[in-house]
C-alpha atoms as a PDB file:
ATOM      1  CA  MET A   1     -83.966-100.030 -47.565  1.00  0.00           C
ATOM      2  CA  PRO A   2     -83.663-103.786 -46.296  1.00  0.00           C
ATOM      3  CA  GLY A   3     -82.643-106.117 -48.148  1.00  0.00           C
ATOM      4  CA  ARG A   4     -83.816-109.286 -49.220  1.00  0.00           C
ATOM      5  CA  SER A   5     -81.754-112.548 -49.587  1.00  0.00           C
ATOM      6  CA  THR A   6     -83.078-115.763 -51.183  1.00  0.00           C
ATOM      7  CA  SER A   7     -82.167-119.407 -51.798  1.00  0.00           C
ATOM      8  CA  SER A   8     -81.779-120.804 -54.876  1.00  0.00           C
ATOM      9  CA  SER A   9     -85.385-122.558 -54.320  1.00  0.00           C
ATOM     10  CA  GLY A  10     -86.564-118.947 -54.511  1.00  0.00           C
ATOM     11  CA  SER A  11     -87.648-119.214 -50.960  1.00  0.00           C
ATOM     12  CA  THR A  12     -87.415-116.372 -48.767  1.00  0.00           C
ATOM     13  CA  GLY A  13     -84.028-116.033 -46.568  1.00  0.00           C
ATOM     14  CA  PHE A  14     -83.831-112.963 -43.824  1.00  0.00           C
ATOM     15  CA  ILE A  15     -84.740-109.262 -43.853  1.00  0.00           C
ATOM     16  CA  SER A  16     -82.134-107.231 -41.893  1.00  0.00           C
ATOM     17  CA  PHE A  17     -83.030-104.252 -40.796  1.00  0.00           C
ATOM     18  CA  SER A  18     -80.170-103.171 -38.417  1.00  0.00           C
ATOM     19  CA  GLY A  19     -79.655-100.489 -41.745  1.00  0.00           C
ATOM     20  CA  VAL A  20     -82.800 -98.933 -41.747  1.00  0.00           C
ATOM     21  CA  GLU A  21     -82.355 -98.486 -37.833  1.00  0.00           C
ATOM     22  CA  SER A  22     -79.229 -97.246 -37.800  1.00  0.00           C
ATOM     23  CA  ALA A  23     -80.625 -94.498 -40.317  1.00  0.00           C
ATOM     24  CA  LEU A  24     -83.713 -93.910 -37.998  1.00  0.00           C
ATOM     25  CA  SER A  25     -81.674 -93.283 -35.232  1.00  0.00           C
ATOM     26  CA  SER A  26     -79.483 -90.441 -37.502  1.00  0.00           C
ATOM     27  CA  LEU A  27     -82.797 -88.948 -38.569  1.00  0.00           C
ATOM     28  CA  LYS A  28     -83.857 -88.569 -34.727  1.00  0.00           C
ATOM     29  CA  ASN A  29     -80.549 -87.367 -33.829  1.00  0.00           C
ATOM     30  CA  PHE A  30     -81.571 -84.501 -36.862  1.00  0.00           C
ATOM     31  CA  GLN A  31     -84.381 -83.294 -34.893  1.00  0.00           C
ATOM     32  CA  SER A  32     -82.794 -82.460 -32.026  1.00  0.00           C
ATOM     33  CA  CYS A  33     -80.475 -79.269 -35.011  1.00  0.00           C
ATOM     34  CA  ILE A  34     -84.461 -78.923 -35.386  1.00  0.00           C
ATOM     35  CA  SER A  35     -85.100 -78.359 -31.702  1.00  0.00           C
ATOM     36  CA  SER A  36     -82.055 -76.167 -31.565  1.00  0.00           C
ATOM     37  CA  GLY A  37     -83.143 -74.249 -34.267  1.00  0.00           C
ATOM     38  CA  MET A  38     -86.423 -73.616 -32.537  1.00  0.00           C
ATOM     39  CA  ASP A  39     -84.879 -72.137 -29.154  1.00  0.00           C
ATOM     40  CA  THR A  40     -82.625 -69.798 -31.190  1.00  0.00           C
ATOM     41  CA  ALA A  41     -85.540 -68.458 -32.971  1.00  0.00           C
ATOM     42  CA  TYR A  42     -87.943 -68.421 -30.415  1.00  0.00           C
ATOM     43  CA  SER A  43     -84.510 -66.709 -28.085  1.00  0.00           C
ATOM     44  CA  VAL A  44     -83.912 -63.939 -30.774  1.00  0.00           C
ATOM     45  CA  ALA A  45     -87.537 -63.182 -31.690  1.00  0.00           C
ATOM     46  CA  LEU A  46     -88.366 -62.244 -27.576  1.00  0.00           C
ATOM     47  CA  ASP A  47     -85.270 -59.712 -27.939  1.00  0.00           C
ATOM     48  CA  LEU A  48     -86.379 -58.194 -30.790  1.00  0.00           C
ATOM     49  CA  VAL A  49     -89.582 -57.373 -28.724  1.00  0.00           C
ATOM     50  CA  GLU A  50     -88.013 -56.884 -25.630  1.00  0.00           C
ATOM     51  CA  THR A  51     -86.164 -53.894 -27.442  1.00  0.00           C
ATOM     52  CA  GLN A  52     -89.094 -52.990 -29.690  1.00  0.00           C
ATOM     53  CA  THR A  53     -87.885 -52.998 -33.110  1.00  0.00           C
ATOM     54  CA  GLU A  54     -89.292 -53.056 -35.844  1.00  0.00           C
ATOM     55  CA  VAL A  55     -92.408 -55.479 -36.075  1.00  0.00           C
ATOM     56  CA  SER A  56     -90.623 -57.269 -39.811  1.00  0.00           C
ATOM     57  CA  SER A  57     -87.554 -58.368 -37.717  1.00  0.00           C
ATOM     58  CA  GLU A  58     -90.108 -59.965 -34.732  1.00  0.00           C
ATOM     59  CA  TYR A  59     -92.312 -61.359 -38.295  1.00  0.00           C
ATOM     60  CA  SER A  60     -89.070 -63.180 -39.708  1.00  0.00           C
ATOM     61  CA  MET A  61     -88.777 -65.235 -36.271  1.00  0.00           C
ATOM     62  CA  ASP A  62     -92.024 -65.950 -36.517  1.00  0.00           C
ATOM     63  CA  LYS A  63     -91.917 -67.456 -40.214  1.00  0.00           C
ATOM     64  CA  ALA A  64     -88.817 -69.230 -39.170  1.00  0.00           C
ATOM     65  CA  MET A  65     -90.963 -70.719 -35.869  1.00  0.00           C
ATOM     66  CA  VAL A  66     -93.412 -71.649 -39.301  1.00  0.00           C
ATOM     67  CA  GLU A  67     -90.467 -73.585 -41.423  1.00  0.00           C
ATOM     68  CA  PHE A  68     -89.035 -75.319 -37.946  1.00  0.00           C
ATOM     69  CA  ALA A  69     -92.926 -76.184 -36.884  1.00  0.00           C
ATOM     70  CA  MET A  70     -92.967 -77.627 -40.363  1.00  0.00           C
ATOM     71  CA  MET A  71     -89.517 -79.964 -40.696  1.00  0.00           C
ATOM     72  CA  ASP A  72     -90.466 -81.915 -37.529  1.00  0.00           C
ATOM     73  CA  ARG A  73     -93.877 -82.574 -38.307  1.00  0.00           C
ATOM     74  CA  GLU A  74     -92.884 -83.469 -41.632  1.00  0.00           C
ATOM     75  CA  LEU A  75     -89.806 -85.770 -40.002  1.00  0.00           C
ATOM     76  CA  ASN A  76     -92.408 -86.892 -37.741  1.00  0.00           C
ATOM     77  CA  HIS A  77     -94.507 -88.168 -40.748  1.00  0.00           C
ATOM     78  CA  TYR A  78     -91.512 -89.679 -42.458  1.00  0.00           C
ATOM     79  CA  LEU A  79     -90.157 -91.808 -39.459  1.00  0.00           C
ATOM     80  CA  LYS A  80     -93.599 -93.071 -38.481  1.00  0.00           C
ATOM     81  CA  ALA A  81     -94.487 -94.024 -42.249  1.00  0.00           C
ATOM     82  CA  VAL A  82     -90.730 -95.790 -42.417  1.00  0.00           C
ATOM     83  CA  GLN A  83     -91.269 -97.836 -38.482  1.00  0.00           C
ATOM     84  CA  SER A  84     -94.963 -98.391 -39.866  1.00  0.00           C
ATOM     85  CA  THR A  85     -93.354-100.240 -42.948  1.00  0.00           C
ATOM     86  CA  ILE A  86     -91.094-101.793 -40.821  1.00  0.00           C
ATOM     87  CA  ASN A  87     -93.624-103.391 -38.267  1.00  0.00           C
ATOM     88  CA  HIS A  88     -95.671-104.696 -41.534  1.00  0.00           C
ATOM     89  CA  VAL A  89     -92.474-106.624 -42.597  1.00  0.00           C
ATOM     90  CA  LYS A  90     -92.291-108.312 -39.484  1.00  0.00           C
ATOM     91  CA  GLU A  91     -95.745-109.429 -38.852  1.00  0.00           C
ATOM     92  CA  ARG A  92     -96.367-111.204 -42.831  1.00  0.00           C
ATOM     93  CA  PRO A  93     -92.166-111.765 -43.256  1.00  0.00           C
ATOM     94  CA  GLU A  94     -93.494-114.206 -46.187  1.00  0.00           C
ATOM     95  CA  LYS A  95     -94.573-111.702 -48.375  1.00  0.00           C
ATOM     96  CA  ILE A  96     -92.290-108.725 -48.896  1.00  0.00           C
ATOM     97  CA  PRO A  97     -94.617-105.273 -50.390  1.00  0.00           C
ATOM     98  CA  ASP A  98     -92.364-103.071 -52.157  1.00  0.00           C
ATOM     99  CA  LEU A  99     -90.763-101.475 -49.483  1.00  0.00           C
ATOM    100  CA  LYS A 100     -89.361 -97.766 -50.714  1.00  0.00           C
ATOM    101  CA  LEU A 101     -93.556 -97.581 -51.972  1.00  0.00           C
ATOM    102  CA  LEU A 102     -94.887 -98.387 -49.149  1.00  0.00           C
ATOM    103  CA  VAL A 103     -92.750 -95.798 -46.965  1.00  0.00           C
ATOM    104  CA  GLU A 104     -93.883 -93.973 -49.385  1.00  0.00           C
ATOM    105  CA  LYS A 105     -97.595 -94.564 -49.642  1.00  0.00           C
ATOM    106  CA  LYS A 106     -97.964 -94.295 -45.571  1.00  0.00           C
ATOM    107  CA  PHE A 107     -95.910 -91.166 -45.837  1.00  0.00           C
ATOM    108  CA  LEU A 108     -98.364 -88.823 -48.635  1.00  0.00           C
ATOM    109  CA  ALA A 109    -100.876 -90.245 -46.115  1.00  0.00           C
ATOM    110  CA  LEU A 110     -99.921 -88.595 -43.099  1.00  0.00           C
ATOM    111  CA  GLN A 111     -99.326 -85.690 -45.294  1.00  0.00           C
ATOM    112  CA  HIS A 112    -102.758 -85.618 -46.505  1.00  0.00           C
ATOM    113  CA  LYS A 113    -103.847 -85.000 -42.884  1.00  0.00           C
ATOM    114  CA  ASN A 114    -102.249 -81.581 -42.266  1.00  0.00           C
ATOM    115  CA  SER A 115    -103.729 -78.602 -40.674  1.00  0.00           C
ATOM    116  CA  ASP A 116    -102.459 -75.145 -39.126  1.00  0.00           C
ATOM    117  CA  ALA A 117    -103.615 -77.036 -36.023  1.00  0.00           C
ATOM    118  CA  ASP A 118    -101.258 -79.357 -35.860  1.00  0.00           C
ATOM    119  CA  PHE A 119     -98.937 -76.889 -35.084  1.00  0.00           C
ATOM    120  CA  GLN A 120    -100.574 -76.518 -31.441  1.00  0.00           C
ATOM    121  CA  ASN A 121     -98.854 -79.828 -30.747  1.00  0.00           C
ATOM    122  CA  ASN A 122     -95.328 -78.256 -30.978  1.00  0.00           C
ATOM    123  CA  GLU A 123     -95.247 -77.555 -27.704  1.00  0.00           C
ATOM    124  CA  LYS A 124     -91.534 -75.397 -29.036  1.00  0.00           C
ATOM    125  CA  PHE A 125     -94.283 -73.544 -31.380  1.00  0.00           C
ATOM    126  CA  ALA A 126     -96.466 -73.148 -28.705  1.00  0.00           C
ATOM    127  CA  GLN A 127     -94.942 -71.905 -25.731  1.00  0.00           C
ATOM    128  CA  PHE A 128     -93.267 -69.698 -28.617  1.00  0.00           C
ATOM    129  CA  LYS A 129     -96.876 -68.026 -29.655  1.00  0.00           C
ATOM    130  CA  GLN A 130     -97.677 -67.830 -25.915  1.00  0.00           C
ATOM    131  CA  GLN A 131     -94.742 -66.165 -24.250  1.00  0.00           C
ATOM    132  CA  LEU A 132     -94.273 -63.825 -27.144  1.00  0.00           C
ATOM    133  CA  LYS A 133     -97.596 -62.589 -26.772  1.00  0.00           C
ATOM    134  CA  GLU A 134     -96.874 -62.391 -22.135  1.00  0.00           C
ATOM    135  CA  LEU A 135     -94.141 -60.455 -23.193  1.00  0.00           C
ATOM    136  CA  LYS A 136     -95.608 -57.737 -25.745  1.00  0.00           C
ATOM    137  CA  LYS A 137     -98.189 -56.985 -23.356  1.00  0.00           C
ATOM    138  CA  GLN A 138     -95.583 -55.958 -20.900  1.00  0.00           C
ATOM    139  CA  SER A 139     -93.409 -54.066 -23.335  1.00  0.00           C
ATOM    140  CA  VAL A 140     -96.551 -52.017 -24.675  1.00  0.00           C
ATOM    141  CA  LYS A 141     -97.714 -50.415 -21.311  1.00  0.00           C
ATOM    142  CA  PRO A 142     -93.576 -48.627 -21.108  1.00  0.00           C
ATOM    143  CA  LYS A 143     -94.253 -46.922 -24.037  1.00  0.00           C
ATOM    144  CA  GLU A 144     -97.596 -46.593 -23.948  1.00  0.00           C
ATOM    145  CA  ASP A 145     -96.803 -44.445 -20.729  1.00  0.00           C
ATOM    146  CA  GLY A 146     -94.272 -42.680 -21.614  1.00  0.00           C
ATOM    147  CA  GLY A 147     -91.809 -44.994 -20.187  1.00  0.00           C
ATOM    148  CA  HIS A 148     -93.576 -44.997 -17.251  1.00  0.00           C
ATOM    149  CA  ASN A 149     -93.545 -48.265 -15.145  1.00  0.00           C
ATOM    150  CA  ASP A 150     -96.370 -49.612 -12.702  1.00  0.00           C
ATOM    151  CA  PHE A 151     -94.840 -47.690 -10.194  1.00  0.00           C
ATOM    152  CA  ASP A 152     -93.913 -44.862 -11.296  1.00  0.00           C
ATOM    153  CA  GLN A 153     -97.868 -44.515 -12.434  1.00  0.00           C
ATOM    154  CA  ILE A 154     -99.028 -44.983  -9.227  1.00  0.00           C
ATOM    155  CA  LYS A 155     -96.297 -42.192  -7.775  1.00  0.00           C
ATOM    156  CA  ASP A 156     -97.360 -39.629 -10.244  1.00  0.00           C
ATOM    157  CA  LYS A 157    -101.525 -40.514  -9.318  1.00  0.00           C
ATOM    158  CA  ASP A 158    -100.333 -39.626  -5.848  1.00  0.00           C
ATOM    159  CA  ALA A 159     -98.421 -36.795  -6.246  1.00  0.00           C
ATOM    160  CA  SER A 160    -101.821 -35.517  -8.531  1.00  0.00           C
ATOM    161  CA  ARG A 161    -103.892 -36.163  -5.511  1.00  0.00           C
ATOM    162  CA  ALA A 162    -101.370 -34.752  -3.101  1.00  0.00           C
ATOM    163  CA  GLY A 163    -101.453 -31.433  -4.610  1.00  0.00           C
ATOM    164  CA  ASN A 164     -99.690 -28.467  -2.605  1.00  0.00           C
ATOM    165  CA  GLY A 165    -100.495 -30.304  -0.186  1.00  0.00           C
ATOM    166  CA  ARG A 166     -97.707 -32.927  -0.704  1.00  0.00           C
ATOM    167  CA  ASP A 167     -95.189 -31.304   1.400  1.00  0.00           C
ATOM    168  CA  GLY A 168     -98.212 -31.621   4.072  1.00  0.00           C
ATOM    169  CA  LEU A 169     -98.074 -35.157   3.617  1.00  0.00           C
ATOM    170  CA  GLN A 170     -94.313 -35.925   3.670  1.00  0.00           C
ATOM    171  CA  ALA A 171     -93.906 -34.400   6.515  1.00  0.00           C
ATOM    172  CA  ASP A 172     -97.232 -36.342   8.402  1.00  0.00           C
ATOM    173  CA  ARG A 173     -95.453 -39.744   6.643  1.00  0.00           C
ATOM    174  CA  GLU A 174     -92.185 -39.168   8.512  1.00  0.00           C
ATOM    175  CA  ALA A 175     -93.603 -38.217  11.998  1.00  0.00           C
ATOM    176  CA  ASP A 176     -95.579 -41.178  12.211  1.00  0.00           C
ATOM    177  CA  GLY A 177     -93.193 -43.610  10.654  1.00  0.00           C
ATOM    178  CA  THR A 178     -95.133 -44.552   7.548  1.00  0.00           C
ATOM    179  CA  GLU A 179     -92.762 -43.005   4.667  1.00  0.00           C
ATOM    180  CA  GLY A 180     -91.724 -44.835   1.844  1.00  0.00           C
ATOM    181  CA  VAL A 181     -94.898 -48.100   3.424  1.00  0.00           C
ATOM    182  CA  ASP A 182     -96.901 -47.583  -0.070  1.00  0.00           C
ATOM    183  CA  GLU A 183     -93.805 -47.315  -2.283  1.00  0.00           C
ATOM    184  CA  ASP A 184     -92.517 -50.736   0.280  1.00  0.00           C
ATOM    185  CA  MET A 185     -96.059 -52.293  -1.010  1.00  0.00           C
ATOM    186  CA  ILE A 186     -95.956 -51.604  -4.770  1.00  0.00           C
ATOM    187  CA  VAL A 187     -93.098 -53.211  -5.549  1.00  0.00           C
ATOM    188  CA  THR A 188     -93.250 -56.642  -2.993  1.00  0.00           C
ATOM    189  CA  GLN A 189     -96.341 -56.880  -4.768  1.00  0.00           C
ATOM    190  CA  SER A 190     -94.697 -56.177  -8.025  1.00  0.00           C
ATOM    191  CA  GLN A 191     -91.987 -58.977  -7.033  1.00  0.00           C
ATOM    192  CA  THR A 192     -94.379 -61.187  -5.588  1.00  0.00           C
ATOM    193  CA  ASN A 193     -93.753 -63.592  -9.218  1.00  0.00           C
ATOM    194  CA  PHE A 194     -90.270 -63.478  -8.998  1.00  0.00           C
ATOM    195  CA  ILE A 195     -90.384 -65.875  -5.335  1.00  0.00           C
ATOM    196  CA  CYS A 196     -90.372 -69.816  -5.758  1.00  0.00           C
ATOM    197  CA  PRO A 197     -93.334 -70.993  -4.150  1.00  0.00           C
ATOM    198  CA  ILE A 198     -90.817 -73.839  -2.410  1.00  0.00           C
ATOM    199  CA  THR A 199     -88.020 -72.193  -1.505  1.00  0.00           C
ATOM    200  CA  GLN A 200     -88.970 -68.505  -0.884  1.00  0.00           C
ATOM    201  CA  LEU A 201     -86.720 -67.491  -2.804  1.00  0.00           C
ATOM    202  CA  GLU A 202     -85.638 -65.130  -5.667  1.00  0.00           C
ATOM    203  CA  MET A 203     -86.094 -67.636  -9.122  1.00  0.00           C
ATOM    204  CA  LYS A 204     -83.271 -67.830 -11.741  1.00  0.00           C
ATOM    205  CA  LYS A 205     -84.800 -70.407 -13.905  1.00  0.00           C
ATOM    206  CA  PRO A 206     -88.393 -70.590 -13.967  1.00  0.00           C
ATOM    207  CA  VAL A 207     -90.382 -73.117 -14.953  1.00  0.00           C
ATOM    208  CA  LYS A 208     -94.427 -72.992 -15.687  1.00  0.00           C
ATOM    209  CA  ASN A 209     -96.707 -75.877 -15.237  1.00  0.00           C
ATOM    210  CA  LYS A 210     -98.604 -75.802 -18.267  1.00  0.00           C
ATOM    211  CA  VAL A 211    -101.949 -77.266 -15.752  1.00  0.00           C
ATOM    212  CA  CYS A 212    -102.164 -74.814 -13.057  1.00  0.00           C
ATOM    213  CA  GLY A 213    -100.040 -71.287 -14.850  1.00  0.00           C
ATOM    214  CA  HIS A 214     -97.753 -71.441 -11.485  1.00  0.00           C
ATOM    215  CA  THR A 215     -94.362 -71.227 -11.692  1.00  0.00           C
ATOM    216  CA  TYR A 216     -91.399 -72.012  -9.593  1.00  0.00           C
ATOM    217  CA  GLU A 217     -87.835 -72.675  -9.601  1.00  0.00           C
ATOM    218  CA  GLU A 218     -86.980 -75.644 -11.745  1.00  0.00           C
ATOM    219  CA  GLU A 219     -84.835 -77.457  -9.882  1.00  0.00           C
ATOM    220  CA  ALA A 220     -86.692 -77.486  -6.254  1.00  0.00           C
ATOM    221  CA  ILE A 221     -89.995 -78.510  -7.959  1.00  0.00           C
ATOM    222  CA  VAL A 222     -88.233 -81.542 -10.096  1.00  0.00           C
ATOM    223  CA  ARG A 223     -86.399 -82.303  -6.773  1.00  0.00           C
ATOM    224  CA  MET A 224     -89.775 -82.320  -5.089  1.00  0.00           C
ATOM    225  CA  ILE A 225     -91.595 -84.192  -7.594  1.00  0.00           C
ATOM    226  CA  GLU A 226     -88.955 -86.789  -7.670  1.00  0.00           C
ATOM    227  CA  ASN A 227     -88.743 -87.393  -4.212  1.00  0.00           C
ATOM    228  CA  LYS A 228     -92.896 -87.740  -4.406  1.00  0.00           C
ATOM    229  CA  HIS A 229     -92.808 -90.116  -6.888  1.00  0.00           C
ATOM    230  CA  LYS A 230     -90.030 -92.371  -5.194  1.00  0.00           C
ATOM    231  CA  ARG A 231     -92.644 -92.655  -2.336  1.00  0.00           C
ATOM    232  CA  LYS A 232     -95.095 -93.857  -4.645  1.00  0.00           C
ATOM    233  CA  LYS A 233     -96.999 -90.691  -4.110  1.00  0.00           C
ATOM    234  CA  LYS A 234     -98.429 -87.508  -6.883  1.00  0.00           C
ATOM    235  CA  ALA A 235     -97.014 -84.321  -6.110  1.00  0.00           C
ATOM    236  CA  CYS A 236     -99.128 -81.395  -5.224  1.00  0.00           C
ATOM    237  CA  CYS A 237     -98.807 -78.419  -6.372  1.00  0.00           C
ATOM    238  CA  PRO A 238     -97.107 -75.861  -3.885  1.00  0.00           C
ATOM    239  CA  LYS A 239     -98.840 -72.493  -4.551  1.00  0.00           C
ATOM    240  CA  ILE A 240    -100.734 -72.137  -1.748  1.00  0.00           C
ATOM    241  CA  GLY A 241    -104.875 -72.571  -2.750  1.00  0.00           C
ATOM    242  CA  CYS A 242    -103.872 -74.710  -6.097  1.00  0.00           C
ATOM    243  CA  SER A 243    -105.910 -77.184  -6.762  1.00  0.00           C
ATOM    244  CA  HIS A 244    -103.689 -79.458  -8.565  1.00  0.00           C
ATOM    245  CA  THR A 245    -102.924 -82.368  -7.113  1.00  0.00           C
ATOM    246  CA  ASP A 246    -100.310 -84.319  -9.500  1.00  0.00           C
ATOM    247  CA  VAL A 247     -97.872 -81.924 -11.306  1.00  0.00           C
ATOM    248  CA  LYS A 248     -95.446 -84.322 -13.549  1.00  0.00           C
ATOM    249  CA  MET A 249     -92.232 -83.120 -15.202  1.00  0.00           C
ATOM    250  CA  SER A 250     -94.195 -83.156 -18.494  1.00  0.00           C
ATOM    251  CA  ASP A 251     -95.805 -80.115 -17.387  1.00  0.00           C
ATOM    252  CA  LEU A 252     -93.215 -78.299 -16.986  1.00  0.00           C
ATOM    253  CA  ILE A 253     -91.781 -75.857 -19.818  1.00  0.00           C
ATOM    254  CA  GLN A 254     -89.585 -72.776 -19.463  1.00  0.00           C
ATOM    255  CA  ASP A 255     -90.954 -69.723 -18.218  1.00  0.00           C
ATOM    256  CA  GLU A 256     -88.203 -66.956 -20.053  1.00  0.00           C
ATOM    257  CA  VAL A 257     -90.849 -64.230 -20.327  1.00  0.00           C
ATOM    258  CA  LEU A 258     -90.602 -63.715 -16.156  1.00  0.00           C
ATOM    259  CA  ARG A 259     -86.741 -64.645 -16.371  1.00  0.00           C
ATOM    260  CA  ARG A 260     -86.241 -61.881 -18.444  1.00  0.00           C
ATOM    261  CA  ALA A 261     -87.835 -59.999 -15.930  1.00  0.00           C
ATOM    262  CA  ILE A 262     -86.699 -61.659 -13.310  1.00  0.00           C
ATOM    263  CA  GLU A 263     -83.312 -60.547 -14.422  1.00  0.00           C
ATOM    264  CA  SER A 264     -84.362 -56.842 -15.643  1.00  0.00           C
ATOM    265  CA  HIS A 265     -85.431 -56.541 -12.398  1.00  0.00           C
ATOM    266  CA  LYS A 266     -81.782 -57.176 -10.189  1.00  0.00           C
ATOM    267  CA  LYS A 267     -80.381 -55.323 -13.398  1.00  0.00           C
ATOM    268  CA  LYS A 268     -82.301 -52.265 -12.452  1.00  0.00           C
ATOM    269  CA  ARG A 269     -81.585 -52.793  -8.252  1.00  0.00           C
ATOM    270  CA  ARG A 270     -78.021 -52.877  -9.136  1.00  0.00           C
ATOM    271  CA  GLN A 271     -78.284 -49.876 -10.530  1.00  0.00           C
ATOM    272  CA  SER A 272     -79.667 -48.333  -7.828  1.00  0.00           C
ATOM    273  CA  ASP A 273     -77.429 -49.604  -5.635  1.00  0.00           C
END
């Protein structure tokens, strides 16, 4: 804690907070380590769901995310307690309290307010829960449908309806040039979410807007927001029909589930070529 010097008359000299501020800076750097740990647990959890590994392994990642979120919360509380103590001393330099005791008192006061709802304020934890839920929905479908995706299901239904007349239907399609149109339409619809509304190209690093839920290529939306702000204007969501008229950098989060879906689609496309 900061030291205090006194003259021979007992009057207060000065308090140097440089050592404390240096320690606080180191603690803030430790937050980046917690963030990296959460990123790793998040990625592993998505891998486990995607490969349909046993639930116990996924549960371990969920517990790891909770522990990381708790560490992040505790560290934030300690940083706030120390900073609050520094401010307290600077406001009343003539009366120096027991600094260690004051920090502990402020820290415990913040800790007593802890609740499970705090985790919803941790962006990485909230994003982890949401995207894990989305990926589970996608992963359950093939398992329940016997390994068939939406495209296969529609083709199977078409075959069932056609029955023995399939050969005749195929001949009609070949004759009028509509062969493969239905399949193309299905594939096009399934790939719509892969296209960035700004670049009109398949996304490589999609980010989701927390406010309206639309996704864009990260580089494209960041450039658009920066250009608008340079001209003192608000950036509207580029998705046609969206009413969100003030897109901010803080609204954007990595859409790992969509990125994985795009990569999976690319891999299947290469295999079929």
